[in-house]
Amino acid sequence: MPVVFRHSGLRYYFFSNEGRPPEAPHIHIKGGGRDAKVWLAPEISIADSYGFNPRELSIILRVVTENRDLILRAWHDYFGD
């Protein structure tokens, strides 16, 4: 489970096996018993969320937006696509 970065006690990561073929680029966020999945394309959006409130999701979307290039680079480096 490659961790791309950590921010405010949350882990931003993707699974080693994201399916065959892999799903579109996205990032998982986990911390404090809460989980979310955020699509990176065609635009940044929440795919799933369990336990995060709207304010926390807004912050997550901001963090993902600010780090989108880093996340996409890590995704393509890892999956080679």
N, C-alpha and C. Protein backbone atom coordinates (compact mmCIF):
# COMPACT_ATOMS: atom_id res chain seq x y z
N MET A 1 0.84 -1.16 0.00
CA MET A 1 0.00 0.00 0.00
C MET A 1 0.90 1.24 0.00
N PRO A 2 1.27 1.74 -1.18
CA PRO A 2 2.16 2.90 -1.26
C PRO A 2 1.51 4.17 -0.69
N VAL A 3 2.16 4.75 0.30
CA VAL A 3 1.71 6.01 0.88
C VAL A 3 2.39 7.13 0.10
N VAL A 4 1.59 8.03 -0.45
CA VAL A 4 2.13 9.15 -1.22
C VAL A 4 2.59 10.24 -0.27
N PHE A 5 1.75 10.57 0.74
CA PHE A 5 2.13 11.54 1.75
C PHE A 5 1.14 11.47 2.91
N ARG A 6 1.47 12.16 3.97
CA ARG A 6 0.59 12.30 5.14
C ARG A 6 0.34 13.78 5.36
N HIS A 7 -0.88 14.08 5.81
CA HIS A 7 -1.24 15.47 6.07
C HIS A 7 -2.27 15.51 7.18
N SER A 8 -1.99 16.26 8.22
CA SER A 8 -2.93 16.46 9.34
C SER A 8 -3.45 15.14 9.91
N GLY A 9 -2.56 14.19 10.07
CA GLY A 9 -2.93 12.91 10.66
C GLY A 9 -3.62 11.95 9.72
N LEU A 10 -3.73 12.30 8.45
CA LEU A 10 -4.35 11.42 7.45
C LEU A 10 -3.29 10.88 6.51
N ARG A 11 -3.51 9.66 6.08
CA ARG A 11 -2.60 9.00 5.14
C ARG A 11 -3.24 9.05 3.76
N TYR A 12 -2.51 9.53 2.77
CA TYR A 12 -2.96 9.61 1.38
C TYR A 12 -2.19 8.52 0.63
N TYR A 13 -2.90 7.55 0.10
CA TYR A 13 -2.24 6.35 -0.45
C TYR A 13 -3.08 5.74 -1.56
N PHE A 14 -2.49 4.74 -2.23
CA PHE A 14 -3.27 3.89 -3.13
C PHE A 14 -2.89 2.45 -2.86
N PHE A 15 -3.77 1.56 -3.27
CA PHE A 15 -3.53 0.14 -3.08
C PHE A 15 -2.58 -0.38 -4.15
N SER A 16 -1.76 -1.35 -3.80
CA SER A 16 -0.84 -1.94 -4.76
C SER A 16 -1.59 -2.60 -5.91
N ASN A 17 -2.74 -3.17 -5.63
CA ASN A 17 -3.54 -3.82 -6.65
C ASN A 17 -4.83 -3.01 -6.83
N GLU A 18 -4.82 -2.11 -7.78
CA GLU A 18 -5.98 -1.26 -8.05
C GLU A 18 -6.84 -1.84 -9.16
N GLY A 19 -6.76 -3.17 -9.36
CA GLY A 19 -7.57 -3.83 -10.37
C GLY A 19 -6.81 -4.03 -11.66
N ARG A 20 -7.34 -4.84 -12.52
CA ARG A 20 -6.75 -5.12 -13.83
C ARG A 20 -7.79 -4.93 -14.90
N PRO A 21 -7.70 -3.92 -15.73
CA PRO A 21 -6.73 -2.83 -15.64
C PRO A 21 -7.04 -1.94 -14.45
N PRO A 22 -6.07 -1.16 -14.01
CA PRO A 22 -6.32 -0.29 -12.84
C PRO A 22 -7.46 0.69 -13.12
N GLU A 23 -8.17 1.05 -12.05
CA GLU A 23 -9.18 2.09 -12.18
C GLU A 23 -8.50 3.39 -12.59
N ALA A 24 -9.31 4.37 -12.96
CA ALA A 24 -8.76 5.69 -13.27
C ALA A 24 -8.00 6.20 -12.05
N PRO A 25 -7.02 7.09 -12.26
CA PRO A 25 -6.23 7.58 -11.13
C PRO A 25 -7.09 8.16 -10.00
N HIS A 26 -6.76 7.74 -8.80
CA HIS A 26 -7.46 8.20 -7.59
C HIS A 26 -6.54 8.01 -6.39
N ILE A 27 -6.96 8.55 -5.27
CA ILE A 27 -6.19 8.45 -4.04
C ILE A 27 -7.14 8.06 -2.91
N HIS A 28 -6.67 7.23 -2.02
CA HIS A 28 -7.42 6.86 -0.82
C HIS A 28 -6.89 7.69 0.34
N ILE A 29 -7.78 8.03 1.25
CA ILE A 29 -7.41 8.81 2.42
C ILE A 29 -7.95 8.10 3.64
N LYS A 30 -7.10 7.91 4.65
CA LYS A 30 -7.51 7.17 5.83
C LYS A 30 -6.92 7.81 7.08
N GLY A 31 -7.72 7.78 8.14
CA GLY A 31 -7.23 8.26 9.43
C GLY A 31 -8.35 8.31 10.44
N GLY A 32 -8.07 7.94 11.67
CA GLY A 32 -9.06 8.02 12.74
C GLY A 32 -10.30 7.20 12.49
N GLY A 33 -10.15 6.06 11.83
CA GLY A 33 -11.30 5.20 11.54
C GLY A 33 -12.17 5.70 10.40
N ARG A 34 -11.71 6.70 9.68
CA ARG A 34 -12.46 7.25 8.56
C ARG A 34 -11.73 6.95 7.25
N ASP A 35 -12.49 6.83 6.18
CA ASP A 35 -11.92 6.52 4.87
C ASP A 35 -12.59 7.37 3.80
N ALA A 36 -11.84 7.69 2.76
CA ALA A 36 -12.39 8.35 1.59
C ALA A 36 -11.59 7.93 0.37
N LYS A 37 -12.21 8.09 -0.78
CA LYS A 37 -11.56 7.85 -2.07
C LYS A 37 -11.88 9.05 -2.94
N VAL A 38 -10.83 9.60 -3.58
CA VAL A 38 -11.01 10.80 -4.39
C VAL A 38 -10.49 10.53 -5.80
N TRP A 39 -11.35 10.77 -6.79
CA TRP A 39 -10.93 10.69 -8.19
C TRP A 39 -10.05 11.89 -8.51
N LEU A 40 -9.06 11.67 -9.37
CA LEU A 40 -8.17 12.75 -9.79
C LEU A 40 -8.50 13.25 -11.19
N ALA A 41 -9.27 12.48 -11.95
CA ALA A 41 -9.61 12.86 -13.32
C ALA A 41 -10.98 12.27 -13.65
N PRO A 42 -11.78 12.87 -14.48
CA PRO A 42 -11.42 14.06 -15.25
C PRO A 42 -11.35 15.32 -14.38
N GLU A 43 -12.01 15.31 -13.22
CA GLU A 43 -11.84 16.39 -12.27
C GLU A 43 -11.79 15.79 -10.87
N ILE A 44 -11.24 16.51 -9.94
CA ILE A 44 -11.11 16.02 -8.57
C ILE A 44 -12.50 15.98 -7.94
N SER A 45 -12.87 14.80 -7.44
CA SER A 45 -14.19 14.64 -6.82
C SER A 45 -14.18 13.46 -5.85
N ILE A 46 -15.07 13.51 -4.89
CA ILE A 46 -15.20 12.44 -3.91
C ILE A 46 -15.87 11.24 -4.57
N ALA A 47 -15.22 10.08 -4.49
CA ALA A 47 -15.82 8.85 -5.00
C ALA A 47 -16.61 8.16 -3.89
N ASP A 48 -16.02 8.05 -2.72
CA ASP A 48 -16.65 7.42 -1.55
C ASP A 48 -16.12 8.12 -0.30
N SER A 49 -16.93 8.07 0.75
CA SER A 49 -16.49 8.63 2.02
C SER A 49 -17.23 7.95 3.15
N TYR A 50 -16.50 7.58 4.19
CA TYR A 50 -17.08 6.94 5.37
C TYR A 50 -16.49 7.59 6.61
N GLY A 51 -17.30 8.38 7.30
CA GLY A 51 -16.89 8.94 8.57
C GLY A 51 -16.40 10.38 8.54
N PHE A 52 -16.06 10.91 7.36
CA PHE A 52 -15.64 12.30 7.27
C PHE A 52 -16.86 13.20 7.18
N ASN A 53 -16.82 14.34 7.87
CA ASN A 53 -17.92 15.29 7.75
C ASN A 53 -17.65 16.23 6.56
N PRO A 54 -18.64 17.02 6.16
CA PRO A 54 -18.45 17.90 4.99
C PRO A 54 -17.26 18.84 5.09
N ARG A 55 -17.00 19.37 6.26
CA ARG A 55 -15.85 20.27 6.43
C ARG A 55 -14.54 19.52 6.18
N GLU A 56 -14.43 18.32 6.75
CA GLU A 56 -13.22 17.50 6.55
C GLU A 56 -13.05 17.14 5.08
N LEU A 57 -14.15 16.81 4.41
CA LEU A 57 -14.07 16.47 2.98
C LEU A 57 -13.63 17.68 2.16
N SER A 58 -14.08 18.85 2.54
CA SER A 58 -13.66 20.07 1.85
C SER A 58 -12.14 20.26 1.99
N ILE A 59 -11.62 20.02 3.18
CA ILE A 59 -10.18 20.13 3.41
C ILE A 59 -9.44 19.08 2.60
N ILE A 60 -9.95 17.85 2.59
CA ILE A 60 -9.33 16.77 1.80
C ILE A 60 -9.28 17.16 0.33
N LEU A 61 -10.37 17.69 -0.21
CA LEU A 61 -10.38 18.09 -1.61
C LEU A 61 -9.36 19.19 -1.88
N ARG A 62 -9.20 20.12 -0.95
CA ARG A 62 -8.20 21.18 -1.10
C ARG A 62 -6.79 20.59 -1.11
N VAL A 63 -6.52 19.67 -0.17
CA VAL A 63 -5.19 19.05 -0.08
C VAL A 63 -4.90 18.25 -1.35
N VAL A 64 -5.89 17.50 -1.84
CA VAL A 64 -5.69 16.72 -3.07
C VAL A 64 -5.45 17.66 -4.25
N THR A 65 -6.21 18.73 -4.33
CA THR A 65 -6.03 19.70 -5.41
C THR A 65 -4.62 20.29 -5.38
N GLU A 66 -4.16 20.66 -4.20
CA GLU A 66 -2.82 21.24 -4.05
C GLU A 66 -1.71 20.24 -4.38
N ASN A 67 -1.99 18.95 -4.24
CA ASN A 67 -0.97 17.91 -4.44
C ASN A 67 -1.26 17.00 -5.62
N ARG A 68 -2.17 17.43 -6.49
CA ARG A 68 -2.59 16.58 -7.61
C ARG A 68 -1.41 16.12 -8.47
N ASP A 69 -0.51 17.02 -8.81
CA ASP A 69 0.64 16.64 -9.66
C ASP A 69 1.51 15.59 -8.97
N LEU A 70 1.77 15.77 -7.69
CA LEU A 70 2.55 14.79 -6.92
C LEU A 70 1.86 13.43 -6.92
N ILE A 71 0.56 13.42 -6.68
CA ILE A 71 -0.21 12.17 -6.62
C ILE A 71 -0.20 11.48 -7.97
N LEU A 72 -0.47 12.24 -9.04
CA LEU A 72 -0.47 11.64 -10.39
C LEU A 72 0.91 11.11 -10.77
N ARG A 73 1.95 11.82 -10.41
CA ARG A 73 3.31 11.35 -10.70
C ARG A 73 3.57 10.02 -9.98
N ALA A 74 3.18 9.95 -8.70
CA ALA A 74 3.36 8.72 -7.93
C ALA A 74 2.53 7.58 -8.54
N TRP A 75 1.32 7.89 -8.95
CA TRP A 75 0.45 6.88 -9.57
C TRP A 75 1.10 6.31 -10.82
N HIS A 76 1.52 7.20 -11.74
CA HIS A 76 2.10 6.75 -13.00
C HIS A 76 3.46 6.08 -12.81
N ASP A 77 4.25 6.55 -11.85
CA ASP A 77 5.52 5.89 -11.54
C ASP A 77 5.29 4.47 -11.04
N TYR A 78 4.27 4.29 -10.20
CA TYR A 78 4.02 3.00 -9.61
C TYR A 78 3.37 2.03 -10.59
N PHE A 79 2.34 2.50 -11.31
CA PHE A 79 1.60 1.60 -12.19
C PHE A 79 2.15 1.60 -13.61
N GLY A 80 3.03 2.53 -13.94
CA GLY A 80 3.68 2.53 -15.25
C GLY A 80 2.76 2.85 -16.40
N ASP A 81 1.71 3.61 -16.14
CA ASP A 81 0.83 3.97 -17.26
C ASP A 81 0.72 5.47 -17.39
